[in-house]
């Protein structure tokens, strides 16, 4: 599937336009240089063309493409950038949803955001953009026929962080909208969203012969505006919990967390 980079109506311009004009100061580089880790200039240029952004400091781009399996130290891998990129992506999508769908409730906005910024979506986008061409991987991963989806999701998030560190918020936001605005529209058009509970039940029954259970862990807020924390469980295995403005939505979010966890386990096998 090809990826179109048509901008939403309010996003105008290109990421490189914003890198100098939109911000008086750029944020400082958030990671060390990488001695012994290198990507040929032509590969970096190809990556920049793919993401529609030209770096002032290509060390940051190299950093974002460096997996922990090849980095001299974990601090020189893209793991910290992944953490930052996840937060930036979430903030950009939340802002876009808030401005684009004023008639949607908090619960509906939360549902859309949860689907759009999921690890599954990030991995899918990495595949579409063919980020595997640029990744620096250790021999153990580089020789595999299939790169784990968790690695592909991580590089998408780390590239968002790299753009932010090099060019600022607007540059990063524009890249997020280039790549994810169509997914936002697709999810928003669905009245029910993805039924993660149904997906999880099918996978669990097929592979484990069991039915998932949902455990209420916590609830907060006044009676008229409660939030619920629920975790999905398969037998004795309890997956990462999730919050939601209703028990139904919390269960859907918990099922999504379980699906992502199961996917990562399968990747490592």
Protein backbone atom coordinates (compact mmCIF):
# COMPACT_ATOMS: atom_id res chain seq x y z
CA UNK A 1 0.00 0.00 0.00
CA UNK A 2 1.38 3.39 -0.94
CA UNK A 3 1.40 6.27 1.48
CA UNK A 4 0.09 9.64 0.34
CA UNK A 5 1.45 12.71 2.08
CA UNK A 6 -1.35 15.13 1.25
CA UNK A 7 -1.71 17.54 4.12
CA UNK A 8 -4.90 18.12 6.06
CA UNK A 9 -6.40 21.52 5.31
CA UNK A 10 -4.90 23.17 8.37
CA UNK A 11 -1.43 21.69 8.24
CA UNK A 12 0.03 23.61 5.22
CA UNK A 13 3.65 23.78 4.15
CA UNK A 14 6.34 21.17 4.57
CA UNK A 15 8.32 20.05 7.60
CA UNK A 16 11.48 21.67 6.29
CA UNK A 17 9.67 25.01 6.02
CA UNK A 18 8.95 24.95 9.74
CA UNK A 19 12.41 23.97 10.90
CA UNK A 20 13.82 27.50 10.65
CA UNK A 21 10.86 29.85 10.28
CA UNK A 22 8.36 28.62 12.87
CA UNK A 23 10.66 28.46 15.89
CA UNK A 24 13.18 30.98 17.16
CA UNK A 25 15.21 28.22 18.82
CA UNK A 26 15.51 24.53 18.17
CA UNK A 27 15.35 22.11 21.08
CA UNK A 28 18.74 20.66 22.06
CA UNK A 29 19.83 17.30 20.70
CA UNK A 30 18.49 14.71 23.12
CA UNK A 31 21.07 11.94 22.69
CA UNK A 32 24.76 11.19 22.28
CA UNK A 33 26.62 10.82 19.01
CA UNK A 34 27.22 7.25 17.90
CA UNK A 35 30.87 6.27 17.48
CA UNK A 36 31.21 3.16 15.34
CA UNK A 37 27.62 3.38 14.11
CA UNK A 38 27.16 4.84 10.66
CA UNK A 39 24.71 4.94 7.76
CA UNK A 40 25.88 5.95 4.25
CA UNK A 41 24.89 9.48 3.24
CA UNK A 42 22.84 8.17 0.32
CA UNK A 43 20.75 6.05 2.69
CA UNK A 44 20.17 9.01 4.98
CA UNK A 45 19.14 11.10 1.96
CA UNK A 46 16.73 8.37 0.89
CA UNK A 47 15.25 8.28 4.39
CA UNK A 48 14.86 12.08 4.42
CA UNK A 49 13.07 11.90 1.05
CA UNK A 50 10.75 9.22 2.44
CA UNK A 51 9.76 11.25 5.51
CA UNK A 52 9.74 14.58 3.62
CA UNK A 53 12.10 16.21 6.10
CA UNK A 54 15.78 17.26 5.75
CA UNK A 55 17.82 17.16 8.95
CA UNK A 56 20.16 19.92 10.01
CA UNK A 57 21.92 17.35 12.23
CA UNK A 58 21.97 13.90 10.66
CA UNK A 59 23.42 12.39 13.84
CA UNK A 60 19.92 12.64 15.29
CA UNK A 61 18.47 10.75 12.32
CA UNK A 62 21.14 8.05 12.65
CA UNK A 63 20.37 7.82 16.35
CA UNK A 64 16.67 7.26 15.63
CA UNK A 65 17.47 4.37 13.27
CA UNK A 66 19.85 2.56 15.63
CA UNK A 67 18.38 -0.48 17.37
CA UNK A 68 19.71 -1.61 20.74
CA UNK A 69 20.99 -4.85 19.16
CA UNK A 70 23.76 -2.90 17.41
CA UNK A 71 24.22 0.24 19.52
CA UNK A 72 27.44 0.42 21.60
CA UNK A 73 25.28 1.08 24.68
CA UNK A 74 21.51 1.08 25.28
CA UNK A 75 21.68 4.85 25.74
CA UNK A 76 22.95 5.14 22.17
CA UNK A 77 20.04 3.15 20.76
CA UNK A 78 16.72 4.67 19.72
CA UNK A 79 14.91 3.52 22.89
CA UNK A 80 14.86 6.94 24.58
CA UNK A 81 13.76 8.56 21.32
CA UNK A 82 10.95 6.00 21.10
CA UNK A 83 9.72 7.15 24.51
CA UNK A 84 9.75 10.80 23.45
CA UNK A 85 8.23 10.14 20.04
CA UNK A 86 5.30 8.25 21.54
CA UNK A 87 4.42 11.27 23.69
CA UNK A 88 4.80 13.73 20.81
CA UNK A 89 2.68 11.58 18.50
CA UNK A 90 -0.04 11.32 21.14
CA UNK A 91 -0.06 15.07 21.76
CA UNK A 92 -0.18 15.86 18.03
CA UNK A 93 -3.07 13.47 17.43
CA UNK A 94 -4.97 14.74 20.48
CA UNK A 95 -4.62 18.34 19.32
CA UNK A 96 -5.73 17.42 15.80
CA UNK A 97 -8.74 15.46 17.07
CA UNK A 98 -9.75 18.26 19.44
CA UNK A 99 -9.68 20.80 16.62
CA UNK A 100 -11.12 18.61 13.85
CA UNK A 101 -14.01 16.91 15.70
CA UNK A 102 -15.57 19.52 18.04
CA UNK A 103 -18.83 17.53 18.20
CA UNK A 104 -17.17 14.34 19.51
CA UNK A 105 -17.30 13.46 23.20
CA UNK A 106 -14.24 12.80 25.33
CA UNK A 107 -14.90 9.08 25.16
CA UNK A 108 -15.12 9.10 21.37
CA UNK A 109 -11.93 11.15 21.04
CA UNK A 110 -10.18 8.75 23.42
CA UNK A 111 -11.32 5.76 21.36
CA UNK A 112 -10.00 7.27 18.12
CA UNK A 113 -6.70 8.35 19.66
CA UNK A 114 -6.17 4.92 21.22
CA UNK A 115 -6.64 3.19 17.86
CA UNK A 116 -4.51 5.64 15.88
CA UNK A 117 -1.44 5.75 18.14
CA UNK A 118 -1.38 2.00 18.83
CA UNK A 119 1.78 -0.04 18.32
CA UNK A 120 -0.02 -1.92 15.57
CA UNK A 121 -0.68 1.28 13.62
CA UNK A 122 2.92 2.48 14.09
CA UNK A 123 4.29 -0.84 12.84
CA UNK A 124 1.95 -0.80 9.84
CA UNK A 125 3.07 2.71 8.94
CA UNK A 126 6.73 1.67 9.19
CA UNK A 127 6.03 -1.17 6.77
CA UNK A 128 4.26 1.16 4.34
CA UNK A 129 7.14 3.65 4.49
CA UNK A 130 9.65 0.76 4.28
CA UNK A 131 11.67 1.94 7.23
CA UNK A 132 13.30 -1.52 7.32
CA UNK A 133 15.58 -0.23 4.52
CA UNK A 134 17.20 2.23 6.91
CA UNK A 135 17.25 0.44 10.26
CA UNK A 136 20.59 -0.42 11.87
CA UNK A 137 20.17 -3.88 13.41
CA UNK A 138 22.44 -6.42 15.06
CA UNK A 139 23.24 -9.64 13.22
CA UNK A 140 20.62 -11.60 15.12
CA UNK A 141 17.80 -9.40 13.83
CA UNK A 142 19.31 -8.42 10.48
CA UNK A 143 19.37 -12.04 9.32
CA UNK A 144 15.69 -12.66 10.14
CA UNK A 145 13.22 -12.82 7.28
CA UNK A 146 10.78 -10.69 9.26
CA UNK A 147 11.58 -7.74 11.51
CA UNK A 148 9.44 -7.87 14.67
CA UNK A 149 6.52 -5.46 14.64
CA UNK A 150 7.68 -4.05 17.98
CA UNK A 151 10.94 -2.92 16.33
CA UNK A 152 9.07 -1.39 13.40
CA UNK A 153 6.69 0.46 15.71
CA UNK A 154 9.63 1.76 17.75
CA UNK A 155 11.46 3.24 14.77
CA UNK A 156 8.35 5.11 13.65
CA UNK A 157 8.10 6.71 17.10
CA UNK A 158 11.83 7.43 17.31
CA UNK A 159 11.81 9.20 13.94
CA UNK A 160 9.01 11.45 15.19
CA UNK A 161 11.21 12.34 18.16
CA UNK A 162 14.22 12.92 15.90
CA UNK A 163 12.25 15.37 13.75
CA UNK A 164 11.10 17.16 16.90
CA UNK A 165 14.63 17.47 18.28
CA UNK A 166 15.99 18.73 14.97
CA UNK A 167 13.13 20.92 13.77
CA UNK A 168 10.71 21.51 16.62
CA UNK A 169 7.06 20.85 17.40
CA UNK A 170 5.52 22.01 14.12
CA UNK A 171 7.86 19.90 12.02
CA UNK A 172 7.09 16.81 14.10
CA UNK A 173 3.36 17.52 14.10
CA UNK A 174 3.30 17.86 10.32
CA UNK A 175 5.04 14.50 9.90
CA UNK A 176 2.53 12.87 12.26
CA UNK A 177 -0.35 14.33 10.26
CA UNK A 178 1.25 13.41 6.93
CA UNK A 179 1.34 9.80 7.97
CA UNK A 180 -1.65 9.35 10.29
CA UNK A 181 -4.39 11.79 9.23
CA UNK A 182 -5.95 9.25 6.87
CA UNK A 183 -6.02 6.68 9.67
CA UNK A 184 -7.68 9.26 11.94
CA UNK A 185 -10.39 9.83 9.33
CA UNK A 186 -10.89 6.10 8.81
CA UNK A 187 -11.31 5.38 12.52
CA UNK A 188 -13.48 8.45 13.07
CA UNK A 189 -15.92 7.30 10.38
CA UNK A 190 -16.54 4.07 12.24
CA UNK A 191 -19.36 4.36 14.75
CA UNK A 192 -18.07 1.48 16.81
CA UNK A 193 -14.33 1.52 16.20
CA UNK A 194 -12.24 -1.62 16.26
CA UNK A 195 -13.72 -4.34 18.41
CA UNK A 196 -10.57 -5.36 20.27
CA UNK A 197 -12.52 -7.60 22.66
CA UNK A 198 -13.84 -9.65 19.76
CA UNK A 199 -10.38 -9.86 18.16
CA UNK A 200 -8.80 -10.95 21.44
CA UNK A 201 -11.47 -13.58 22.08
CA UNK A 202 -10.99 -15.10 18.62
CA UNK A 203 -7.20 -15.24 18.97
CA UNK A 204 -7.25 -16.61 22.52
CA UNK A 205 -9.86 -19.28 21.79
CA UNK A 206 -7.99 -20.36 18.67
CA UNK A 207 -4.52 -20.49 20.24
CA UNK A 208 -5.19 -21.23 23.92
CA UNK A 209 -8.65 -22.76 24.03
CA UNK A 210 -9.75 -20.25 26.67
CA UNK A 211 -11.91 -17.15 26.95
CA UNK A 212 -10.38 -13.86 28.15
CA UNK A 213 -11.55 -12.46 31.47
CA UNK A 214 -11.61 -8.79 32.50
CA UNK A 215 -10.57 -7.71 35.98
CA UNK A 216 -11.64 -4.41 37.53
CA UNK A 217 -8.57 -2.95 39.25
CA UNK A 218 -9.55 0.60 40.16
CA UNK A 219 -12.04 3.39 39.63
CA UNK A 220 -11.73 7.12 40.18
CA UNK A 221 -13.82 10.26 40.00
CA UNK A 222 -17.30 11.33 41.08
CA UNK A 223 -20.33 9.20 40.25
CA UNK A 224 -21.23 11.32 37.21
CA UNK A 225 -17.70 11.19 35.72
CA UNK A 226 -16.00 7.98 36.79
CA UNK A 227 -12.99 6.41 35.08
CA UNK A 228 -12.32 2.69 35.31
CA UNK A 229 -9.09 0.68 35.21
CA UNK A 230 -9.45 -2.83 33.83
CA UNK A 231 -6.99 -5.54 32.80
CA UNK A 232 -7.55 -8.47 30.46
CA UNK A 233 -6.44 -11.89 31.67
CA UNK A 234 -5.92 -15.31 30.15
CA UNK A 235 -5.79 -17.86 32.91
CA UNK A 236 -3.20 -16.61 35.40
CA UNK A 237 -1.61 -14.23 32.87
CA UNK A 238 -2.76 -10.63 33.46
CA UNK A 239 -1.97 -8.12 30.73
CA UNK A 240 -1.26 -4.36 31.10
CA UNK A 241 -4.26 -2.52 32.45
CA UNK A 242 -6.07 0.36 30.73
CA UNK A 243 -8.31 3.23 31.79
CA UNK A 244 -11.56 4.27 30.18
CA UNK A 245 -14.48 6.63 30.85
CA UNK A 246 -16.79 3.61 31.00
CA UNK A 247 -16.34 -0.06 31.84
CA UNK A 248 -17.05 -0.94 28.21
CA UNK A 249 -14.37 1.38 26.85
CA UNK A 250 -11.86 0.35 29.51
CA UNK A 251 -12.39 -3.28 28.52
CA UNK A 252 -11.82 -2.42 24.86
CA UNK A 253 -8.60 -0.59 25.75
CA UNK A 254 -7.49 -3.48 27.97
CA UNK A 255 -8.15 -5.94 25.14
CA UNK A 256 -6.04 -3.79 22.82
CA UNK A 257 -3.17 -3.86 25.33
CA UNK A 258 -3.46 -7.64 25.52
CA UNK A 259 -3.40 -7.97 21.73
CA UNK A 260 -0.22 -5.88 21.53
CA UNK A 261 1.42 -7.92 24.30
CA UNK A 262 0.52 -11.19 22.59
CA UNK A 263 1.89 -9.82 19.30
CA UNK A 264 5.24 -8.99 20.93
CA UNK A 265 5.46 -12.51 22.41
CA UNK A 266 4.80 -14.03 18.98
CA UNK A 267 7.49 -11.78 17.46
CA UNK A 268 10.13 -13.16 19.84
CA UNK A 269 9.34 -16.80 19.11
